[in-house]
């Protein structure tokens, strides 16, 4: 038995998962998605659980916000699937409250093998799914990166509503200090286009609190993101980085990104023209879209 005390951050995560399943209809929905063998539409879920469309849609929104369920678009249809990375996490979560917790290393290994999920493993930081409660810390880290002058053409972090609307819900992660739960960094992606042909191409951003740099936080966040996008069939992750941001360029090179080229004098930042290095990482799957 693992006798390591349960951290406040992990207890917070476990309580959130239990709350997600506090309604019988949500349990039915999760069970149906777990056995469906593929994504389901709202009408399909309505027929399976015998609940009204509005009720099902409301429950799906709650489950999606908690990242237990992931949503995706196929043409004009919105489909839902179970976040498979959550499956190996629930047994140790339940074990904690019954006095029989699973060993943390085994739980972390299961999550790493499964892909995206509420917790992607332990290391210099706990990597978990981003949630609305993280808004203030995420935006503060964002602003600190912008203030340093090497992260983006932007100079002011957006509102949480704008941040949330612009980024795909299935690929957002935060790194939390294992002892205090304080956020140390975050990563998220945005679609590059609304055209279906570019559905597997995303642009990402990764920000680390200046006080937490050189601790492997950025590397951990990129690993979680790559695992998440690979599982979802994303075939290209791209990003633009200022040439002067050598630390970020090295981080991305180690994570498997390659330099596509340099876009010279792409935009003005603080009164001067700046170049941008375009990087991309292609999926390692032989046929990522298949």
Protein backbone atom coordinates (compact mmCIF):
# COMPACT_ATOMS: atom_id res chain seq x y z
CA UNK A 1 0.00 0.00 0.00
CA UNK A 2 1.18 3.52 -0.77
CA UNK A 3 1.24 5.47 2.51
CA UNK A 4 2.27 8.77 0.92
CA UNK A 5 0.00 11.54 2.27
CA UNK A 6 -2.54 12.74 -0.26
CA UNK A 7 -1.61 16.24 -1.43
CA UNK A 8 -4.18 19.04 -1.36
CA UNK A 9 -3.91 19.41 -5.15
CA UNK A 10 -4.65 15.73 -5.79
CA UNK A 11 -7.49 15.71 -3.25
CA UNK A 12 -8.97 18.67 -5.14
CA UNK A 13 -8.77 16.69 -8.41
CA UNK A 14 -10.38 13.59 -6.89
CA UNK A 15 -13.23 15.61 -5.36
CA UNK A 16 -13.88 17.17 -8.77
CA UNK A 17 -14.17 13.74 -10.42
CA UNK A 18 -16.57 12.49 -7.76
CA UNK A 19 -18.74 15.61 -8.24
CA UNK A 20 -18.92 14.93 -11.97
CA UNK A 21 -20.65 11.59 -11.30
CA UNK A 22 -22.94 12.82 -8.53
CA UNK A 23 -25.98 12.63 -10.85
CA UNK A 24 -27.42 9.26 -11.99
CA UNK A 25 -28.00 10.57 -15.53
CA UNK A 26 -24.32 11.47 -15.85
CA UNK A 27 -23.36 7.98 -14.73
CA UNK A 28 -25.64 6.58 -17.45
CA UNK A 29 -24.10 8.87 -20.07
CA UNK A 30 -20.53 7.95 -19.11
CA UNK A 31 -21.43 4.26 -19.11
CA UNK A 32 -22.97 4.56 -22.58
CA UNK A 33 -19.93 6.40 -23.96
CA UNK A 34 -17.61 3.83 -22.39
CA UNK A 35 -19.31 0.95 -24.21
CA UNK A 36 -20.23 2.69 -27.47
CA UNK A 37 -17.00 1.97 -29.30
CA UNK A 38 -16.88 5.47 -30.79
CA UNK A 39 -18.15 9.04 -30.43
CA UNK A 40 -21.92 9.57 -30.06
CA UNK A 41 -24.19 12.47 -30.97
CA UNK A 42 -26.70 14.00 -28.56
CA UNK A 43 -29.67 12.22 -30.24
CA UNK A 44 -27.88 8.87 -29.89
CA UNK A 45 -27.22 9.51 -26.20
CA UNK A 46 -30.82 10.68 -25.67
CA UNK A 47 -32.11 7.40 -27.11
CA UNK A 48 -29.76 5.35 -24.95
CA UNK A 49 -30.38 7.01 -21.57
CA UNK A 50 -34.03 8.00 -22.17
CA UNK A 51 -33.65 11.60 -21.10
CA UNK A 52 -34.65 14.82 -22.84
CA UNK A 53 -32.23 16.52 -25.28
CA UNK A 54 -31.91 19.62 -23.10
CA UNK A 55 -31.13 17.52 -20.03
CA UNK A 56 -28.56 15.42 -21.87
CA UNK A 57 -26.94 18.51 -23.36
CA UNK A 58 -26.67 20.10 -19.91
CA UNK A 59 -25.06 16.99 -18.43
CA UNK A 60 -22.65 16.73 -21.37
CA UNK A 61 -21.59 20.33 -20.81
CA UNK A 62 -20.79 19.54 -17.18
CA UNK A 63 -18.88 16.38 -18.08
CA UNK A 64 -16.98 18.16 -20.86
CA UNK A 65 -16.05 21.05 -18.56
CA UNK A 66 -14.58 18.49 -16.16
CA UNK A 67 -12.76 16.79 -19.05
CA UNK A 68 -14.32 13.40 -18.32
CA UNK A 69 -16.00 13.69 -21.73
CA UNK A 70 -14.39 15.22 -24.82
CA UNK A 71 -16.34 16.94 -27.58
CA UNK A 72 -15.41 17.10 -31.25
CA UNK A 73 -16.96 18.38 -34.45
CA UNK A 74 -17.46 16.32 -37.59
CA UNK A 75 -18.93 18.55 -40.24
CA UNK A 76 -21.98 20.14 -38.64
CA UNK A 77 -22.38 17.41 -36.01
CA UNK A 78 -21.03 17.66 -32.47
CA UNK A 79 -19.95 14.29 -31.08
CA UNK A 80 -18.93 13.19 -27.60
CA UNK A 81 -16.54 10.49 -26.40
CA UNK A 82 -15.17 9.31 -23.08
CA UNK A 83 -11.75 10.67 -22.15
CA UNK A 84 -10.02 7.28 -22.02
CA UNK A 85 -7.18 8.61 -19.87
CA UNK A 86 -9.65 9.01 -17.00
CA UNK A 87 -10.42 5.29 -16.89
CA UNK A 88 -7.25 4.16 -15.02
CA UNK A 89 -7.47 7.11 -12.64
CA UNK A 90 -10.85 6.37 -11.05
CA UNK A 91 -9.81 3.13 -9.22
CA UNK A 92 -7.04 4.83 -7.22
CA UNK A 93 -9.31 7.81 -6.57
CA UNK A 94 -11.97 5.50 -5.13
CA UNK A 95 -9.29 3.57 -3.27
CA UNK A 96 -8.19 6.67 -1.40
CA UNK A 97 -11.51 7.08 0.37
CA UNK A 98 -11.73 3.36 1.18
CA UNK A 99 -8.24 3.24 2.67
CA UNK A 100 -6.75 1.22 -0.19
CA UNK A 101 -5.07 3.68 -2.54
CA UNK A 102 -3.23 2.33 -5.56
CA UNK A 103 0.49 3.05 -5.75
CA UNK A 104 1.03 6.45 -7.30
CA UNK A 105 3.77 5.34 -9.71
CA UNK A 106 1.42 2.75 -11.24
CA UNK A 107 -1.37 5.28 -11.56
CA UNK A 108 0.95 7.78 -13.21
CA UNK A 109 2.21 5.17 -15.65
CA UNK A 110 -1.32 4.24 -16.62
CA UNK A 111 -2.20 7.85 -17.31
CA UNK A 112 0.92 8.41 -19.37
CA UNK A 113 0.11 5.38 -21.50
CA UNK A 114 -3.53 6.37 -21.95
CA UNK A 115 -2.97 9.89 -23.23
CA UNK A 116 -4.93 13.00 -22.23
CA UNK A 117 -6.71 13.24 -18.91
CA UNK A 118 -7.17 15.11 -15.65
CA UNK A 119 -3.69 14.15 -14.43
CA UNK A 120 -0.83 13.35 -16.80
CA UNK A 121 1.68 12.25 -14.20
CA UNK A 122 4.06 13.42 -11.52
CA UNK A 123 7.53 14.91 -11.85
CA UNK A 124 8.81 18.46 -11.33
CA UNK A 125 5.12 19.35 -11.37
CA UNK A 126 1.73 17.66 -11.42
CA UNK A 127 0.33 17.96 -14.94
CA UNK A 128 -3.46 17.97 -15.09
CA UNK A 129 -6.30 19.28 -17.22
CA UNK A 130 -6.95 23.00 -17.09
CA UNK A 131 -10.30 24.05 -15.59
CA UNK A 132 -12.19 27.30 -15.12
CA UNK A 133 -11.01 27.53 -11.50
CA UNK A 134 -7.46 27.98 -12.85
CA UNK A 135 -8.38 31.15 -14.76
CA UNK A 136 -6.74 33.75 -12.53
CA UNK A 137 -3.42 31.89 -12.23
CA UNK A 138 -3.34 30.95 -15.94
CA UNK A 139 -3.86 34.56 -17.00
CA UNK A 140 -1.30 35.82 -14.45
CA UNK A 141 1.34 33.45 -15.86
CA UNK A 142 0.33 34.53 -19.36
CA UNK A 143 0.78 38.20 -18.46
CA UNK A 144 4.16 37.54 -16.82
CA UNK A 145 5.34 35.93 -20.06
CA UNK A 146 4.10 38.84 -22.13
CA UNK A 147 5.76 41.34 -19.78
CA UNK A 148 9.13 39.66 -20.39
CA UNK A 149 8.87 40.79 -24.01
CA UNK A 150 9.94 37.56 -25.79
CA UNK A 151 6.77 35.48 -25.80
CA UNK A 152 4.33 37.10 -28.21
CA UNK A 153 3.36 40.15 -30.22
CA UNK A 154 0.56 40.58 -27.67
CA UNK A 155 1.22 42.80 -24.66
CA UNK A 156 -1.96 42.21 -22.64
CA UNK A 157 -3.43 38.87 -21.60
CA UNK A 158 -7.05 38.40 -22.72
CA UNK A 159 -10.07 37.93 -20.52
CA UNK A 160 -10.82 34.37 -19.45
CA UNK A 161 -13.90 34.35 -21.72
CA UNK A 162 -11.76 35.26 -24.74
CA UNK A 163 -9.04 32.77 -23.75
CA UNK A 164 -11.57 29.99 -23.28
CA UNK A 165 -13.38 30.67 -26.57
CA UNK A 166 -10.18 30.66 -28.64
CA UNK A 167 -8.68 27.38 -27.39
CA UNK A 168 -9.73 23.79 -27.97
CA UNK A 169 -11.14 22.23 -24.77
CA UNK A 170 -9.53 18.81 -25.26
CA UNK A 171 -5.90 19.96 -25.19
CA UNK A 172 -5.37 22.33 -22.25
CA UNK A 173 -3.06 21.46 -19.37
CA UNK A 174 -1.60 23.15 -16.33
CA UNK A 175 1.45 22.28 -14.24
CA UNK A 176 0.93 22.54 -10.49
CA UNK A 177 3.46 22.52 -7.68
CA UNK A 178 3.15 19.06 -6.03
CA UNK A 179 3.28 20.52 -2.55
CA UNK A 180 1.20 23.68 -2.74
CA UNK A 181 -0.96 23.20 -5.82
CA UNK A 182 0.15 26.62 -7.13
CA UNK A 183 0.23 26.73 -10.92
CA UNK A 184 3.67 26.84 -12.53
CA UNK A 185 2.69 26.91 -16.20
CA UNK A 186 0.15 26.00 -18.85
CA UNK A 187 -0.18 24.82 -22.44
CA UNK A 188 -3.13 25.07 -24.84
CA UNK A 189 -3.90 24.95 -28.55
CA UNK A 190 -6.07 26.83 -31.02
CA UNK A 191 -7.31 25.63 -34.41
CA UNK A 192 -5.48 27.23 -37.33
CA UNK A 193 -8.59 27.23 -39.52
CA UNK A 194 -12.29 26.39 -39.47
CA UNK A 195 -11.95 24.50 -42.77
CA UNK A 196 -12.38 20.72 -42.28
CA UNK A 197 -9.20 19.95 -44.27
CA UNK A 198 -7.17 21.64 -41.51
CA UNK A 199 -8.96 19.90 -38.63
CA UNK A 200 -5.74 18.12 -37.65
CA UNK A 201 -3.57 21.25 -37.53
CA UNK A 202 -3.34 23.29 -34.33
CA UNK A 203 -1.20 26.13 -33.02
CA UNK A 204 -0.03 25.92 -29.45
CA UNK A 205 1.23 28.21 -26.71
CA UNK A 206 3.18 27.17 -23.62
CA UNK A 207 3.93 29.54 -20.75
CA UNK A 208 5.90 28.89 -17.57
CA UNK A 209 6.02 31.11 -14.50
CA UNK A 210 9.40 32.91 -14.56
CA UNK A 211 10.07 31.65 -11.02
CA UNK A 212 9.56 28.02 -12.16
CA UNK A 213 11.71 28.03 -15.28
CA UNK A 214 14.57 25.53 -15.77
CA UNK A 215 12.71 22.92 -13.72
CA UNK A 216 11.37 20.80 -16.58
CA UNK A 217 7.87 22.29 -16.33
CA UNK A 218 7.69 23.27 -19.99
CA UNK A 219 8.90 19.86 -21.10
CA UNK A 220 6.25 18.14 -19.00
CA UNK A 221 3.51 20.32 -20.44
CA UNK A 222 4.63 19.62 -24.00
CA UNK A 223 4.68 15.87 -23.31
CA UNK A 224 1.09 16.03 -22.07
CA UNK A 225 0.04 18.07 -25.08
CA UNK A 226 1.72 15.75 -27.57
CA UNK A 227 0.12 12.71 -25.93
CA UNK A 228 -3.27 14.40 -26.06
CA UNK A 229 -3.05 15.50 -29.69
CA UNK A 230 -1.65 12.16 -30.86
CA UNK A 231 -4.61 10.37 -29.25
CA UNK A 232 -7.04 12.78 -30.95
CA UNK A 233 -5.57 12.33 -34.45
CA UNK A 234 -3.98 15.78 -34.69
CA UNK A 235 -1.19 15.53 -37.26
CA UNK A 236 0.51 18.92 -36.94
CA UNK A 237 1.28 21.16 -33.95
CA UNK A 238 2.80 24.47 -34.97
CA UNK A 239 3.99 27.62 -33.25
CA UNK A 240 5.78 30.88 -33.93
CA UNK A 241 8.66 31.89 -31.66
CA UNK A 242 10.85 34.99 -31.66
CA UNK A 243 14.44 34.10 -32.65
CA UNK A 244 15.69 35.79 -29.49
CA UNK A 245 13.72 33.34 -27.33
CA UNK A 246 16.48 30.73 -27.47
CA UNK A 247 15.28 28.84 -24.38
CA UNK A 248 11.90 28.19 -26.00
CA UNK A 249 13.53 27.16 -29.28
CA UNK A 250 15.70 24.60 -27.45
CA UNK A 251 12.69 23.31 -25.48
CA UNK A 252 10.73 22.70 -28.65
CA UNK A 253 13.65 21.12 -30.46
CA UNK A 254 14.01 18.59 -27.63
CA UNK A 255 10.27 17.88 -27.86
CA UNK A 256 10.55 16.94 -31.54
CA UNK A 257 9.67 20.23 -33.24
CA UNK A 258 11.57 21.28 -36.36
CA UNK A 259 12.18 24.71 -37.82
CA UNK A 260 10.16 25.24 -40.99
CA UNK A 261 11.56 28.69 -41.70
CA UNK A 262 11.86 32.28 -40.55
CA UNK A 263 9.12 34.78 -41.32
CA UNK A 264 11.05 38.04 -41.54
CA UNK A 265 9.63 41.33 -40.26
CA UNK A 266 6.30 39.64 -39.64
CA UNK A 267 4.94 42.22 -37.23
CA UNK A 268 5.73 45.20 -35.05
CA UNK A 269 6.27 44.67 -31.34
CA UNK A 270 6.91 47.58 -28.97
CA UNK A 271 7.70 49.84 -31.91
CA UNK A 272 10.05 47.58 -33.89
CA UNK A 273 9.70 44.93 -36.58
CA UNK A 274 10.38 41.38 -35.44
CA UNK A 275 11.06 38.07 -37.16
CA UNK A 276 9.26 34.87 -36.16
CA UNK A 277 10.63 31.33 -36.37
CA UNK A 278 7.91 28.93 -37.54
CA UNK A 279 8.16 25.49 -35.95
CA UNK A 280 6.06 22.38 -36.31
CA UNK A 281 5.82 18.87 -34.95
CA UNK A 282 4.30 16.20 -37.17
CA UNK A 283 2.53 13.19 -35.72
CA UNK A 284 4.60 10.05 -35.37
CA UNK A 285 1.68 7.90 -36.49
CA UNK A 286 2.02 6.49 -40.03
CA UNK A 287 -1.47 7.71 -40.94
CA UNK A 288 -2.46 10.23 -38.23
CA UNK A 289 -5.80 11.00 -39.78
CA UNK A 290 -6.78 7.35 -40.14
